[in-house]
Amino acid sequence: MTRPRSEVPELSTRCGLGFWVHESTDAVSLHGFDAGVGFVSVCDPSQRFTYTVISNKTRGAWPVSERINELLATTG
């Protein structure tokens, strides 16, 4: 499910079977939303972290997830 199956160059990422696969690391993520709820879950085994952000807004998890990624990039 986490093996890259297709490229998404405009997003600089790849798709597995239900998972987004980072373009240059072994990190994978799962995103989802519906009216009034959203989540992002990321696992990066090489950096030894996993996190999940859950929101009661449709796209509320994305800004928080992006900020976590920024913070992890500066500490890595």
PDB file of N, CA and C in Angstrom:
ATOM      1  N   MET A   1       0.812  -1.197   0.000  1.00  0.00           N
ATOM      2  CA  MET A   1       0.000   0.000   0.000  1.00  0.00           C
ATOM      3  C   MET A   1       0.853   1.259   0.000  1.00  0.00           C
ATOM      4  N   THR A   2       2.064   1.155   0.517  1.00  0.00           N
ATOM      5  CA  THR A   2       2.918   2.334   0.598  1.00  0.00           C
ATOM      6  C   THR A   2       3.969   2.386  -0.507  1.00  0.00           C
ATOM      7  N   ARG A   3       3.982   1.405  -1.389  1.00  0.00           N
ATOM      8  CA  ARG A   3       4.901   1.440  -2.528  1.00  0.00           C
ATOM      9  C   ARG A   3       4.350   2.422  -3.551  1.00  0.00           C
ATOM     10  N   PRO A   4       5.190   3.326  -4.063  1.00  0.00           N
ATOM     11  CA  PRO A   4       4.706   4.278  -5.061  1.00  0.00           C
ATOM     12  C   PRO A   4       4.140   3.572  -6.294  1.00  0.00           C
ATOM     13  N   ARG A   5       2.959   3.988  -6.713  1.00  0.00           N
ATOM     14  CA  ARG A   5       2.304   3.408  -7.883  1.00  0.00           C
ATOM     15  C   ARG A   5       2.103   4.431  -8.992  1.00  0.00           C
ATOM     16  N   SER A   6       2.069   5.719  -8.637  1.00  0.00           N
ATOM     17  CA  SER A   6       1.926   6.772  -9.634  1.00  0.00           C
ATOM     18  C   SER A   6       2.561   8.054  -9.122  1.00  0.00           C
ATOM     19  N   GLU A   7       2.982   8.890 -10.038  1.00  0.00           N
ATOM     20  CA  GLU A   7       3.623  10.163  -9.721  1.00  0.00           C
ATOM     21  C   GLU A   7       2.590  11.292  -9.790  1.00  0.00           C
ATOM     22  N   VAL A   8       2.756  12.283  -8.903  1.00  0.00           N
ATOM     23  CA  VAL A   8       1.939  13.494  -8.942  1.00  0.00           C
ATOM     24  C   VAL A   8       2.916  14.673  -8.936  1.00  0.00           C
ATOM     25  N   PRO A   9       3.551  14.961 -10.086  1.00  0.00           N
ATOM     26  CA  PRO A   9       4.613  15.966 -10.134  1.00  0.00           C
ATOM     27  C   PRO A   9       4.189  17.354  -9.665  1.00  0.00           C
ATOM     28  N   GLU A  10       2.932  17.748  -9.951  1.00  0.00           N
ATOM     29  CA  GLU A  10       2.502  19.094  -9.550  1.00  0.00           C
ATOM     30  C   GLU A  10       2.417  19.259  -8.036  1.00  0.00           C
ATOM     31  N   LEU A  11       2.371  18.151  -7.289  1.00  0.00           N
ATOM     32  CA  LEU A  11       2.375  18.190  -5.826  1.00  0.00           C
ATOM     33  C   LEU A  11       3.696  17.693  -5.243  1.00  0.00           C
ATOM     34  N   SER A  12       4.650  17.357  -6.095  1.00  0.00           N
ATOM     35  CA  SER A  12       5.947  16.817  -5.666  1.00  0.00           C
ATOM     36  C   SER A  12       5.775  15.606  -4.749  1.00  0.00           C
ATOM     37  N   THR A  13       4.891  14.699  -5.137  1.00  0.00           N
ATOM     38  CA  THR A  13       4.641  13.513  -4.330  1.00  0.00           C
ATOM     39  C   THR A  13       4.274  12.341  -5.237  1.00  0.00           C
ATOM     40  N   ARG A  14       4.054  11.202  -4.613  1.00  0.00           N
ATOM     41  CA  ARG A  14       3.645   9.989  -5.324  1.00  0.00           C
ATOM     42  C   ARG A  14       2.483   9.365  -4.573  1.00  0.00           C
ATOM     43  N   CYS A  15       1.755   8.498  -5.240  1.00  0.00           N
ATOM     44  CA  CYS A  15       0.620   7.807  -4.617  1.00  0.00           C
ATOM     45  C   CYS A  15       0.913   6.325  -4.511  1.00  0.00           C
ATOM     46  N   GLY A  16       0.542   5.759  -3.377  1.00  0.00           N
ATOM     47  CA  GLY A  16       0.534   4.314  -3.218  1.00  0.00           C
ATOM     48  C   GLY A  16      -0.910   3.864  -3.383  1.00  0.00           C
ATOM     49  N   LEU A  17      -1.309   2.877  -2.632  1.00  0.00           N
ATOM     50  CA  LEU A  17      -2.709   2.442  -2.646  1.00  0.00           C
ATOM     51  C   LEU A  17      -3.405   3.033  -1.423  1.00  0.00           C
ATOM     52  N   GLY A  18      -3.847   4.260  -1.545  1.00  0.00           N
ATOM     53  CA  GLY A  18      -4.524   4.949  -0.447  1.00  0.00           C
ATOM     54  C   GLY A  18      -3.620   5.850   0.366  1.00  0.00           C
ATOM     55  N   PHE A  19      -2.312   5.755   0.189  1.00  0.00           N
ATOM     56  CA  PHE A  19      -1.360   6.575   0.925  1.00  0.00           C
ATOM     57  C   PHE A  19      -0.630   7.507  -0.027  1.00  0.00           C
ATOM     58  N   TRP A  20      -0.313   8.699   0.454  1.00  0.00           N
ATOM     59  CA  TRP A  20       0.600   9.585  -0.261  1.00  0.00           C
ATOM     60  C   TRP A  20       2.006   9.207   0.172  1.00  0.00           C
ATOM     61  N   VAL A  21       2.906   9.118  -0.764  1.00  0.00           N
ATOM     62  CA  VAL A  21       4.276   8.683  -0.505  1.00  0.00           C
ATOM     63  C   VAL A  21       5.211   9.848  -0.835  1.00  0.00           C
ATOM     64  N   HIS A  22       6.026  10.237   0.136  1.00  0.00           N
ATOM     65  CA  HIS A  22       6.946  11.355  -0.064  1.00  0.00           C
ATOM     66  C   HIS A  22       7.849  11.086  -1.253  1.00  0.00           C
ATOM     67  N   GLU A  23       8.226  12.139  -1.979  1.00  0.00           N
ATOM     68  CA  GLU A  23       9.004  11.947  -3.202  1.00  0.00           C
ATOM     69  C   GLU A  23      10.437  11.487  -2.970  1.00  0.00           C
ATOM     70  N   SER A  24      11.028  11.750  -1.799  1.00  0.00           N
ATOM     71  CA  SER A  24      12.437  11.395  -1.618  1.00  0.00           C
ATOM     72  C   SER A  24      12.751  10.673  -0.309  1.00  0.00           C
ATOM     73  N   THR A  25      11.743  10.419   0.533  1.00  0.00           N
ATOM     74  CA  THR A  25      11.974   9.682   1.776  1.00  0.00           C
ATOM     75  C   THR A  25      10.977   8.525   1.850  1.00  0.00           C
ATOM     76  N   ASP A  26      11.028   7.770   2.941  1.00  0.00           N
ATOM     77  CA  ASP A  26      10.078   6.677   3.110  1.00  0.00           C
ATOM     78  C   ASP A  26       8.847   7.096   3.919  1.00  0.00           C
ATOM     79  N   ALA A  27       8.628   8.409   4.069  1.00  0.00           N
ATOM     80  CA  ALA A  27       7.459   8.915   4.791  1.00  0.00           C
ATOM     81  C   ALA A  27       6.188   8.676   3.981  1.00  0.00           C
ATOM     82  N   VAL A  28       5.113   8.344   4.684  1.00  0.00           N
ATOM     83  CA  VAL A  28       3.806   8.177   4.057  1.00  0.00           C
ATOM     84  C   VAL A  28       2.779   8.978   4.840  1.00  0.00           C
ATOM     85  N   SER A  29       1.711   9.387   4.158  1.00  0.00           N
ATOM     86  CA  SER A  29       0.662  10.132   4.844  1.00  0.00           C
ATOM     87  C   SER A  29      -0.701   9.708   4.325  1.00  0.00           C
ATOM     88  N   LEU A  30      -1.676   9.937   5.159  1.00  0.00           N
ATOM     89  CA  LEU A  30      -3.059   9.626   4.845  1.00  0.00           C
ATOM     90  C   LEU A  30      -3.860  10.873   5.185  1.00  0.00           C
ATOM     91  N   HIS A  31      -4.690  11.344   4.261  1.00  0.00           N
ATOM     92  CA  HIS A  31      -5.462  12.571   4.435  1.00  0.00           C
ATOM     93  C   HIS A  31      -6.925  12.241   4.207  1.00  0.00           C
ATOM     94  N   GLY A  32      -7.791  12.938   4.910  1.00  0.00           N
ATOM     95  CA  GLY A  32      -9.206  12.747   4.667  1.00  0.00           C
ATOM     96  C   GLY A  32     -10.029  13.884   5.233  1.00  0.00           C
ATOM     97  N   PHE A  33     -11.195  14.073   4.656  1.00  0.00           N
ATOM     98  CA  PHE A  33     -12.097  15.102   5.167  1.00  0.00           C
ATOM     99  C   PHE A  33     -13.510  14.836   4.688  1.00  0.00           C
ATOM    100  N   ASP A  34     -14.438  15.433   5.389  1.00  0.00           N
ATOM    101  CA  ASP A  34     -15.844  15.446   5.022  1.00  0.00           C
ATOM    102  C   ASP A  34     -16.390  16.739   5.619  1.00  0.00           C
ATOM    103  N   ALA A  35     -17.633  17.011   5.433  1.00  0.00           N
ATOM    104  CA  ALA A  35     -18.205  18.245   5.965  1.00  0.00           C
ATOM    105  C   ALA A  35     -18.022  18.311   7.478  1.00  0.00           C
ATOM    106  N   GLY A  36     -17.243  19.267   7.944  1.00  0.00           N
ATOM    107  CA  GLY A  36     -17.063  19.481   9.376  1.00  0.00           C
ATOM    108  C   GLY A  36     -16.032  18.619  10.063  1.00  0.00           C
ATOM    109  N   VAL A  37     -15.232  17.862   9.319  1.00  0.00           N
ATOM    110  CA  VAL A  37     -14.199  17.035   9.941  1.00  0.00           C
ATOM    111  C   VAL A  37     -13.060  16.810   8.949  1.00  0.00           C
ATOM    112  N   GLY A  38     -11.834  16.798   9.457  1.00  0.00           N
ATOM    113  CA  GLY A  38     -10.680  16.533   8.607  1.00  0.00           C
ATOM    114  C   GLY A  38      -9.543  15.952   9.422  1.00  0.00           C
ATOM    115  N   PHE A  39      -8.638  15.236   8.746  1.00  0.00           N
ATOM    116  CA  PHE A  39      -7.480  14.686   9.446  1.00  0.00           C
ATOM    117  C   PHE A  39      -6.310  14.524   8.491  1.00  0.00           C
ATOM    118  N   VAL A  40      -5.124  14.541   9.082  1.00  0.00           N
ATOM    119  CA  VAL A  40      -3.876  14.232   8.390  1.00  0.00           C
ATOM    120  C   VAL A  40      -3.087  13.337   9.329  1.00  0.00           C
ATOM    121  N   SER A  41      -2.579  12.236   8.818  1.00  0.00           N
ATOM    122  CA  SER A  41      -1.740  11.343   9.601  1.00  0.00           C
ATOM    123  C   SER A  41      -0.472  11.073   8.812  1.00  0.00           C
ATOM    124  N   VAL A  42       0.685  11.226   9.460  1.00  0.00           N
ATOM    125  CA  VAL A  42       1.979  11.091   8.796  1.00  0.00           C
ATOM    126  C   VAL A  42       2.864  10.144   9.602  1.00  0.00           C
ATOM    127  N   CYS A  43       3.565   9.263   8.893  1.00  0.00           N
ATOM    128  CA  CYS A  43       4.538   8.373   9.520  1.00  0.00           C
ATOM    129  C   CYS A  43       5.833   8.454   8.721  1.00  0.00           C
ATOM    130  N   ASP A  44       6.926   8.775   9.400  1.00  0.00           N
ATOM    131  CA  ASP A  44       8.246   8.821   8.765  1.00  0.00           C
ATOM    132  C   ASP A  44       9.187   7.933   9.569  1.00  0.00           C
ATOM    133  N   PRO A  45       9.325   6.663   9.169  1.00  0.00           N
ATOM    134  CA  PRO A  45      10.151   5.727   9.932  1.00  0.00           C
ATOM    135  C   PRO A  45      11.614   6.141  10.038  1.00  0.00           C
ATOM    136  N   SER A  46      12.165   6.733   8.996  1.00  0.00           N
ATOM    137  CA  SER A  46      13.588   7.101   9.043  1.00  0.00           C
ATOM    138  C   SER A  46      13.848   8.225  10.040  1.00  0.00           C
ATOM    139  N   GLN A  47      12.884   9.125  10.220  1.00  0.00           N
ATOM    140  CA  GLN A  47      13.031  10.206  11.205  1.00  0.00           C
ATOM    141  C   GLN A  47      12.447   9.832  12.563  1.00  0.00           C
ATOM    142  N   ARG A  48      11.810   8.670  12.613  1.00  0.00           N
ATOM    143  CA  ARG A  48      11.244   8.118  13.839  1.00  0.00           C
ATOM    144  C   ARG A  48      10.148   8.991  14.445  1.00  0.00           C
ATOM    145  N   PHE A  49       9.192   9.414  13.595  1.00  0.00           N
ATOM    146  CA  PHE A  49       8.039  10.122  14.124  1.00  0.00           C
ATOM    147  C   PHE A  49       6.770   9.722  13.382  1.00  0.00           C
ATOM    148  N   THR A  50       5.689   9.813  14.117  1.00  0.00           N
ATOM    149  CA  THR A  50       4.348   9.628  13.579  1.00  0.00           C
ATOM    150  C   THR A  50       3.466  10.653  14.264  1.00  0.00           C
ATOM    151  N   TYR A  51       2.595  11.305  13.498  1.00  0.00           N
ATOM    152  CA  TYR A  51       1.644  12.212  14.124  1.00  0.00           C
ATOM    153  C   TYR A  51       0.319  12.182  13.365  1.00  0.00           C
ATOM    154  N   THR A  52      -0.736  12.520  14.078  1.00  0.00           N
ATOM    155  CA  THR A  52      -2.069  12.627  13.497  1.00  0.00           C
ATOM    156  C   THR A  52      -2.694  13.919  13.994  1.00  0.00           C
ATOM    157  N   VAL A  53      -3.256  14.679  13.075  1.00  0.00           N
ATOM    158  CA  VAL A  53      -3.967  15.913  13.406  1.00  0.00           C
ATOM    159  C   VAL A  53      -5.427  15.697  13.016  1.00  0.00           C
ATOM    160  N   ILE A  54      -6.326  15.928  13.967  1.00  0.00           N
ATOM    161  CA  ILE A  54      -7.756  15.776  13.741  1.00  0.00           C
ATOM    162  C   ILE A  54      -8.413  17.131  13.984  1.00  0.00           C
ATOM    163  N   SER A  55      -9.322  17.518  13.105  1.00  0.00           N
ATOM    164  CA  SER A  55      -9.955  18.831  13.211  1.00  0.00           C
ATOM    165  C   SER A  55     -11.467  18.713  13.070  1.00  0.00           C
ATOM    166  N   ASN A  56     -12.167  19.639  13.700  1.00  0.00           N
ATOM    167  CA  ASN A  56     -13.616  19.695  13.515  1.00  0.00           C
ATOM    168  C   ASN A  56     -13.986  20.737  12.452  1.00  0.00           C
ATOM    169  N   LYS A  57     -13.024  21.038  11.579  1.00  0.00           N
ATOM    170  CA  LYS A  57     -13.264  21.848  10.391  1.00  0.00           C
ATOM    171  C   LYS A  57     -12.834  21.014   9.187  1.00  0.00           C
ATOM    172  N   THR A  58     -13.494  21.197   8.082  1.00  0.00           N
ATOM    173  CA  THR A  58     -13.248  20.360   6.920  1.00  0.00           C
ATOM    174  C   THR A  58     -11.774  20.319   6.537  1.00  0.00           C
ATOM    175  N   ARG A  59     -11.128  21.448   6.434  1.00  0.00           N
ATOM    176  CA  ARG A  59      -9.707  21.484   6.066  1.00  0.00           C
ATOM    177  C   ARG A  59      -8.835  22.038   7.195  1.00  0.00           C
ATOM    178  N   GLY A  60      -9.298  21.929   8.401  1.00  0.00           N
ATOM    179  CA  GLY A  60      -8.590  22.492   9.545  1.00  0.00           C
ATOM    180  C   GLY A  60      -7.300  21.787   9.919  1.00  0.00           C
ATOM    181  N   ALA A  61      -7.131  20.539   9.530  1.00  0.00           N
ATOM    182  CA  ALA A  61      -5.927  19.792   9.911  1.00  0.00           C
ATOM    183  C   ALA A  61      -4.713  20.172   9.062  1.00  0.00           C
ATOM    184  N   TRP A  62      -4.944  20.670   7.859  1.00  0.00           N
ATOM    185  CA  TRP A  62      -3.828  20.927   6.948  1.00  0.00           C
ATOM    186  C   TRP A  62      -2.877  22.016   7.434  1.00  0.00           C
ATOM    187  N   PRO A  63      -3.336  23.193   7.878  1.00  0.00           N
ATOM    188  CA  PRO A  63      -2.381  24.202   8.353  1.00  0.00           C
ATOM    189  C   PRO A  63      -1.564  23.722   9.552  1.00  0.00           C
ATOM    190  N   VAL A  64      -2.195  22.988  10.442  1.00  0.00           N
ATOM    191  CA  VAL A  64      -1.483  22.465  11.621  1.00  0.00           C
ATOM    192  C   VAL A  64      -0.440  21.445  11.181  1.00  0.00           C
ATOM    193  N   SER A  65      -0.812  20.558  10.282  1.00  0.00           N
ATOM    194  CA  SER A  65       0.117  19.553   9.760  1.00  0.00           C
ATOM    195  C   SER A  65       1.303  20.212   9.045  1.00  0.00           C
ATOM    196  N   GLU A  66       1.035  21.230   8.243  1.00  0.00           N
ATOM    197  CA  GLU A  66       2.115  21.934   7.554  1.00  0.00           C
ATOM    198  C   GLU A  66       3.082  22.569   8.557  1.00  0.00           C
ATOM    199  N   ARG A  67       2.541  23.136   9.634  1.00  0.00           N
ATOM    200  CA  ARG A  67       3.404  23.747  10.661  1.00  0.00           C
ATOM    201  C   ARG A  67       4.228  22.678  11.371  1.00  0.00           C
ATOM    202  N   ILE A  68       3.640  21.541  11.678  1.00  0.00           N
ATOM    203  CA  ILE A  68       4.397  20.449  12.298  1.00  0.00           C
ATOM    204  C   ILE A  68       5.533  20.023  11.379  1.00  0.00           C
ATOM    205  N   ASN A  69       5.251  19.892  10.082  1.00  0.00           N
ATOM    206  CA  ASN A  69       6.309  19.529   9.117  1.00  0.00           C
ATOM    207  C   ASN A  69       7.434  20.545   9.104  1.00  0.00           C
ATOM    208  N   GLU A  70       7.091  21.845   9.174  1.00  0.00           N
ATOM    209  CA  GLU A  70       8.114  22.895   9.227  1.00  0.00           C
ATOM    210  C   GLU A  70       8.979  22.745  10.480  1.00  0.00           C
ATOM    211  N   LEU A  71       8.342  22.531  11.615  1.00  0.00           N
ATOM    212  CA  LEU A  71       9.084  22.381  12.876  1.00  0.00           C
ATOM    213  C   LEU A  71       9.965  21.139  12.857  1.00  0.00           C
ATOM    214  N   LEU A  72       9.468  20.039  12.330  1.00  0.00           N
ATOM    215  CA  LEU A  72      10.261  18.814  12.255  1.00  0.00           C
ATOM    216  C   LEU A  72      11.430  18.977  11.304  1.00  0.00           C
ATOM    217  N   ALA A  73      11.265  19.739  10.241  1.00  0.00           N
ATOM    218  CA  ALA A  73      12.351  19.971   9.281  1.00  0.00           C
ATOM    219  C   ALA A  73      13.481  20.777   9.911  1.00  0.00           C
ATOM    220  N   THR A  74      13.165  21.676  10.818  1.00  0.00           N
ATOM    221  CA  THR A  74      14.208  22.495  11.441  1.00  0.00           C
ATOM    222  C   THR A  74      14.924  21.768  12.564  1.00  0.00           C
ATOM    223  N   THR A  75      14.293  20.728  13.120  1.00  0.00           N
ATOM    224  CA  THR A  75      14.943  19.978  14.205  1.00  0.00           C
ATOM    225  C   THR A  75      15.633  18.732  13.719  1.00  0.00           C
ATOM    226  N   GLY A  76      15.335  18.318  12.467  1.00  0.00           N
ATOM    227  CA  GLY A  76      15.892  17.085  11.911  1.00  0.00           C
ATOM    228  C   GLY A  76      17.290  17.282  11.508  1.00  0.00           C
TER     229      GLY A  76
END
